[in-house]
């Protein structure tokens, strides 16, 4: 968004990338992490940071 600080812009982009990867991978965290090119533990940290929850299968 115009005038938005860079940190907020990056956080919003990260959140949306995580949500999209989880949607494409039907909520499978392992596949979503691989799709994002990050470790599964990093995905869990980012889920907590962004207050995102993934329903259990």
PDB file of N, CA and C in Angstrom:
ATOM      1  N   UNK A   1       0.841  -1.171   0.000  1.00  0.00           N
ATOM      2  CA  UNK A   1       0.000   0.000   0.000  1.00  0.00           C
ATOM      3  C   UNK A   1       0.895   1.245   0.000  1.00  0.00           C
ATOM      4  N   UNK A   2       0.473   2.276  -0.683  1.00  0.00           N
ATOM      5  CA  UNK A   2       1.272   3.502  -0.726  1.00  0.00           C
ATOM      6  C   UNK A   2       1.471   4.078   0.673  1.00  0.00           C
ATOM      7  N   UNK A   3       2.689   4.462   0.968  1.00  0.00           N
ATOM      8  CA  UNK A   3       3.002   5.070   2.248  1.00  0.00           C
ATOM      9  C   UNK A   3       3.168   4.086   3.397  1.00  0.00           C
ATOM     10  N   UNK A   4       2.991   2.810   3.133  1.00  0.00           N
ATOM     11  CA  UNK A   4       3.127   1.795   4.174  1.00  0.00           C
ATOM     12  C   UNK A   4       4.608   1.513   4.404  1.00  0.00           C
ATOM     13  N   UNK A   5       5.025   1.419   5.651  1.00  0.00           N
ATOM     14  CA  UNK A   5       6.429   1.101   5.923  1.00  0.00           C
ATOM     15  C   UNK A   5       6.814  -0.253   5.313  1.00  0.00           C
ATOM     16  N   UNK A   6       8.053  -0.371   4.897  1.00  0.00           N
ATOM     17  CA  UNK A   6       8.543  -1.567   4.235  1.00  0.00           C
ATOM     18  C   UNK A   6       8.311  -2.826   5.064  1.00  0.00           C
ATOM     19  N   UNK A   7       8.574  -2.761   6.359  1.00  0.00           N
ATOM     20  CA  UNK A   7       8.417  -3.936   7.215  1.00  0.00           C
ATOM     21  C   UNK A   7       6.977  -4.452   7.167  1.00  0.00           C
ATOM     22  N   UNK A   8       6.007  -3.556   7.229  1.00  0.00           N
ATOM     23  CA  UNK A   8       4.604  -3.965   7.178  1.00  0.00           C
ATOM     24  C   UNK A   8       4.259  -4.559   5.816  1.00  0.00           C
ATOM     25  N   UNK A   9       4.801  -3.988   4.760  1.00  0.00           N
ATOM     26  CA  UNK A   9       4.561  -4.500   3.414  1.00  0.00           C
ATOM     27  C   UNK A   9       5.108  -5.916   3.281  1.00  0.00           C
ATOM     28  N   UNK A  10       6.319  -6.144   3.783  1.00  0.00           N
ATOM     29  CA  UNK A  10       6.927  -7.470   3.714  1.00  0.00           C
ATOM     30  C   UNK A  10       6.161  -8.480   4.562  1.00  0.00           C
ATOM     31  N   UNK A  11       5.718  -8.075   5.728  1.00  0.00           N
ATOM     32  CA  UNK A  11       4.957  -8.970   6.599  1.00  0.00           C
ATOM     33  C   UNK A  11       3.638  -9.362   5.936  1.00  0.00           C
ATOM     34  N   UNK A  12       2.976  -8.408   5.303  1.00  0.00           N
ATOM     35  CA  UNK A  12       1.717  -8.692   4.617  1.00  0.00           C
ATOM     36  C   UNK A  12       1.957  -9.645   3.450  1.00  0.00           C
ATOM     37  N   UNK A  13       3.021  -9.415   2.684  1.00  0.00           N
ATOM     38  CA  UNK A  13       3.343 -10.280   1.549  1.00  0.00           C
ATOM     39  C   UNK A  13       3.665 -11.703   2.033  1.00  0.00           C
ATOM     40  N   UNK A  14       4.416 -11.813   3.125  1.00  0.00           N
ATOM     41  CA  UNK A  14       4.756 -13.121   3.680  1.00  0.00           C
ATOM     42  C   UNK A  14       3.495 -13.855   4.118  1.00  0.00           C
ATOM     43  N   UNK A  15       2.619 -13.163   4.803  1.00  0.00           N
ATOM     44  CA  UNK A  15       1.366 -13.757   5.278  1.00  0.00           C
ATOM     45  C   UNK A  15       0.541 -14.286   4.103  1.00  0.00           C
ATOM     46  N   UNK A  16       0.431 -13.489   3.053  1.00  0.00           N
ATOM     47  CA  UNK A  16      -0.353 -13.911   1.892  1.00  0.00           C
ATOM     48  C   UNK A  16       0.292 -15.098   1.178  1.00  0.00           C
ATOM     49  N   UNK A  17       1.621 -15.117   1.094  1.00  0.00           N
ATOM     50  CA  UNK A  17       2.325 -16.244   0.464  1.00  0.00           C
ATOM     51  C   UNK A  17       2.089 -17.531   1.252  1.00  0.00           C
ATOM     52  N   UNK A  18       2.104 -17.437   2.567  1.00  0.00           N
ATOM     53  CA  UNK A  18       1.867 -18.599   3.413  1.00  0.00           C
ATOM     54  C   UNK A  18       0.433 -19.096   3.233  1.00  0.00           C
ATOM     55  N   UNK A  19      -0.522 -18.178   3.262  1.00  0.00           N
ATOM     56  CA  UNK A  19      -1.919 -18.561   3.094  1.00  0.00           C
ATOM     57  C   UNK A  19      -2.150 -19.229   1.738  1.00  0.00           C
ATOM     58  N   UNK A  20      -1.537 -18.695   0.701  1.00  0.00           N
ATOM     59  CA  UNK A  20      -1.701 -19.261  -0.643  1.00  0.00           C
ATOM     60  C   UNK A  20      -1.077 -20.657  -0.716  1.00  0.00           C
ATOM     61  N   UNK A  21       0.134 -20.806  -0.179  1.00  0.00           N
ATOM     62  CA  UNK A  21       0.798 -22.111  -0.205  1.00  0.00           C
ATOM     63  C   UNK A  21      -0.014 -23.150   0.554  1.00  0.00           C
ATOM     64  N   UNK A  22      -0.564 -22.777   1.688  1.00  0.00           N
ATOM     65  CA  UNK A  22      -1.384 -23.711   2.458  1.00  0.00           C
ATOM     66  C   UNK A  22      -2.659 -24.078   1.708  1.00  0.00           C
ATOM     67  N   UNK A  23      -3.245 -23.113   1.020  1.00  0.00           N
ATOM     68  CA  UNK A  23      -4.461 -23.392   0.251  1.00  0.00           C
ATOM     69  C   UNK A  23      -4.155 -24.347  -0.902  1.00  0.00           C
ATOM     70  N   UNK A  24      -3.071 -24.088  -1.624  1.00  0.00           N
ATOM     71  CA  UNK A  24      -2.683 -24.934  -2.759  1.00  0.00           C
ATOM     72  C   UNK A  24      -2.354 -26.351  -2.283  1.00  0.00           C
ATOM     73  N   UNK A  25      -1.789 -26.449  -1.092  1.00  0.00           N
ATOM     74  CA  UNK A  25      -1.371 -27.753  -0.550  1.00  0.00           C
ATOM     75  C   UNK A  25      -2.435 -28.359   0.365  1.00  0.00           C
ATOM     76  N   UNK A  26      -3.656 -27.865   0.286  1.00  0.00           N
ATOM     77  CA  UNK A  26      -4.771 -28.386   1.088  1.00  0.00           C
ATOM     78  C   UNK A  26      -4.457 -28.435   2.576  1.00  0.00           C
ATOM     79  N   UNK A  27      -3.738 -27.429   3.070  1.00  0.00           N
ATOM     80  CA  UNK A  27      -3.432 -27.350   4.495  1.00  0.00           C
ATOM     81  C   UNK A  27      -2.273 -28.207   4.950  1.00  0.00           C
ATOM     82  N   UNK A  28      -1.637 -28.927   4.030  1.00  0.00           N
ATOM     83  CA  UNK A  28      -0.511 -29.786   4.400  1.00  0.00           C
ATOM     84  C   UNK A  28       0.719 -28.909   4.652  1.00  0.00           C
ATOM     85  N   UNK A  29       1.117 -28.813   5.909  1.00  0.00           N
ATOM     86  CA  UNK A  29       2.214 -27.911   6.289  1.00  0.00           C
ATOM     87  C   UNK A  29       3.550 -28.322   5.695  1.00  0.00           C
ATOM     88  N   UNK A  30       3.820 -29.612   5.624  1.00  0.00           N
ATOM     89  CA  UNK A  30       5.096 -30.082   5.068  1.00  0.00           C
ATOM     90  C   UNK A  30       5.210 -29.693   3.605  1.00  0.00           C
ATOM     91  N   UNK A  31       4.156 -29.952   2.832  1.00  0.00           N
ATOM     92  CA  UNK A  31       4.183 -29.588   1.410  1.00  0.00           C
ATOM     93  C   UNK A  31       4.225 -28.077   1.219  1.00  0.00           C
ATOM     94  N   UNK A  32       3.512 -27.334   2.063  1.00  0.00           N
ATOM     95  CA  UNK A  32       3.507 -25.872   1.961  1.00  0.00           C
ATOM     96  C   UNK A  32       4.905 -25.320   2.236  1.00  0.00           C
ATOM     97  N   UNK A  33       5.581 -25.860   3.235  1.00  0.00           N
ATOM     98  CA  UNK A  33       6.937 -25.407   3.552  1.00  0.00           C
ATOM     99  C   UNK A  33       7.867 -25.668   2.373  1.00  0.00           C
ATOM    100  N   UNK A  34       7.759 -26.855   1.784  1.00  0.00           N
ATOM    101  CA  UNK A  34       8.591 -27.171   0.616  1.00  0.00           C
ATOM    102  C   UNK A  34       8.283 -26.224  -0.538  1.00  0.00           C
ATOM    103  N   UNK A  35       7.008 -25.953  -0.749  1.00  0.00           N
ATOM    104  CA  UNK A  35       6.603 -25.038  -1.823  1.00  0.00           C
ATOM    105  C   UNK A  35       7.179 -23.629  -1.601  1.00  0.00           C
ATOM    106  N   UNK A  36       7.245 -23.222  -0.336  1.00  0.00           N
ATOM    107  CA  UNK A  36       7.782 -21.898  -0.001  1.00  0.00           C
ATOM    108  C   UNK A  36       9.315 -21.887   0.047  1.00  0.00           C
ATOM    109  N   UNK A  37       9.926 -23.084   0.046  1.00  0.00           N
ATOM    110  CA  UNK A  37      11.384 -23.164   0.106  1.00  0.00           C
ATOM    111  C   UNK A  37      11.946 -22.880   1.480  1.00  0.00           C
ATOM    112  N   UNK A  38      11.164 -23.222   2.512  1.00  0.00           N
ATOM    113  CA  UNK A  38      11.615 -23.010   3.889  1.00  0.00           C
ATOM    114  C   UNK A  38      11.467 -24.306   4.669  1.00  0.00           C
ATOM    115  N   UNK A  39      12.128 -24.368   5.807  1.00  0.00           N
ATOM    116  CA  UNK A  39      12.014 -25.526   6.686  1.00  0.00           C
ATOM    117  C   UNK A  39      10.624 -25.542   7.322  1.00  0.00           C
ATOM    118  N   UNK A  40      10.155 -26.736   7.639  1.00  0.00           N
ATOM    119  CA  UNK A  40       8.853 -26.869   8.281  1.00  0.00           C
ATOM    120  C   UNK A  40       8.819 -26.105   9.612  1.00  0.00           C
ATOM    121  N   UNK A  41       9.925 -26.133  10.335  1.00  0.00           N
ATOM    122  CA  UNK A  41       9.989 -25.397  11.613  1.00  0.00           C
ATOM    123  C   UNK A  41       9.843 -23.885  11.393  1.00  0.00           C
ATOM    124  N   UNK A  42      10.403 -23.403  10.295  1.00  0.00           N
ATOM    125  CA  UNK A  42      10.263 -21.978   9.979  1.00  0.00           C
ATOM    126  C   UNK A  42       8.817 -21.641   9.659  1.00  0.00           C
ATOM    127  N   UNK A  43       8.143 -22.556   8.954  1.00  0.00           N
ATOM    128  CA  UNK A  43       6.731 -22.320   8.649  1.00  0.00           C
ATOM    129  C   UNK A  43       5.929 -22.237   9.939  1.00  0.00           C
ATOM    130  N   UNK A  44       6.202 -23.137  10.888  1.00  0.00           N
ATOM    131  CA  UNK A  44       5.485 -23.103  12.169  1.00  0.00           C
ATOM    132  C   UNK A  44       5.724 -21.773  12.894  1.00  0.00           C
ATOM    133  N   UNK A  45       6.948 -21.279  12.868  1.00  0.00           N
ATOM    134  CA  UNK A  45       7.259 -19.986  13.495  1.00  0.00           C
ATOM    135  C   UNK A  45       6.484 -18.857  12.821  1.00  0.00           C
ATOM    136  N   UNK A  46       6.434 -18.893  11.493  1.00  0.00           N
ATOM    137  CA  UNK A  46       5.731 -17.849  10.749  1.00  0.00           C
ATOM    138  C   UNK A  46       4.216 -17.940  10.969  1.00  0.00           C
ATOM    139  N   UNK A  47       3.689 -19.152  11.065  1.00  0.00           N
ATOM    140  CA  UNK A  47       2.266 -19.309  11.363  1.00  0.00           C
ATOM    141  C   UNK A  47       1.936 -18.654  12.704  1.00  0.00           C
ATOM    142  N   UNK A  48       2.784 -18.876  13.698  1.00  0.00           N
ATOM    143  CA  UNK A  48       2.567 -18.275  15.012  1.00  0.00           C
ATOM    144  C   UNK A  48       2.704 -16.755  14.946  1.00  0.00           C
ATOM    145  N   UNK A  49       3.734 -16.275  14.255  1.00  0.00           N
ATOM    146  CA  UNK A  49       3.976 -14.834  14.141  1.00  0.00           C
ATOM    147  C   UNK A  49       2.794 -14.114  13.504  1.00  0.00           C
ATOM    148  N   UNK A  50       2.178 -14.765  12.518  1.00  0.00           N
ATOM    149  CA  UNK A  50       1.066 -14.142  11.797  1.00  0.00           C
ATOM    150  C   UNK A  50      -0.298 -14.552  12.356  1.00  0.00           C
ATOM    151  N   UNK A  51      -0.300 -15.288  13.458  1.00  0.00           N
ATOM    152  CA  UNK A  51      -1.528 -15.773  14.095  1.00  0.00           C
ATOM    153  C   UNK A  51      -2.413 -16.527  13.112  1.00  0.00           C
ATOM    154  N   UNK A  52      -1.779 -17.368  12.305  1.00  0.00           N
ATOM    155  CA  UNK A  52      -2.509 -18.181  11.342  1.00  0.00           C
ATOM    156  C   UNK A  52      -2.685 -19.586  11.908  1.00  0.00           C
ATOM    157  N   UNK A  53      -3.864 -20.131  11.737  1.00  0.00           N
ATOM    158  CA  UNK A  53      -4.130 -21.482  12.190  1.00  0.00           C
ATOM    159  C   UNK A  53      -4.500 -22.334  10.990  1.00  0.00           C
ATOM    160  N   UNK A  54      -4.052 -23.567  11.011  1.00  0.00           N
ATOM    161  CA  UNK A  54      -4.372 -24.522   9.955  1.00  0.00           C
ATOM    162  C   UNK A  54      -5.186 -25.628  10.601  1.00  0.00           C
ATOM    163  N   UNK A  55      -6.391 -25.850  10.094  1.00  0.00           N
ATOM    164  CA  UNK A  55      -7.193 -26.938  10.684  1.00  0.00           C
ATOM    165  C   UNK A  55      -6.506 -28.273  10.554  1.00  0.00           C
ATOM    166  N   UNK A  56      -6.668 -29.113  11.564  1.00  0.00           N
ATOM    167  CA  UNK A  56      -6.087 -30.457  11.514  1.00  0.00           C
ATOM    168  C   UNK A  56      -6.867 -31.273  10.495  1.00  0.00           C
ATOM    169  N   UNK A  57      -6.141 -32.131   9.792  1.00  0.00           N
ATOM    170  CA  UNK A  57      -6.783 -32.960   8.745  1.00  0.00           C
ATOM    171  C   UNK A  57      -7.640 -34.033   9.347  1.00  0.00           C
TER     172      UNK A  57
END
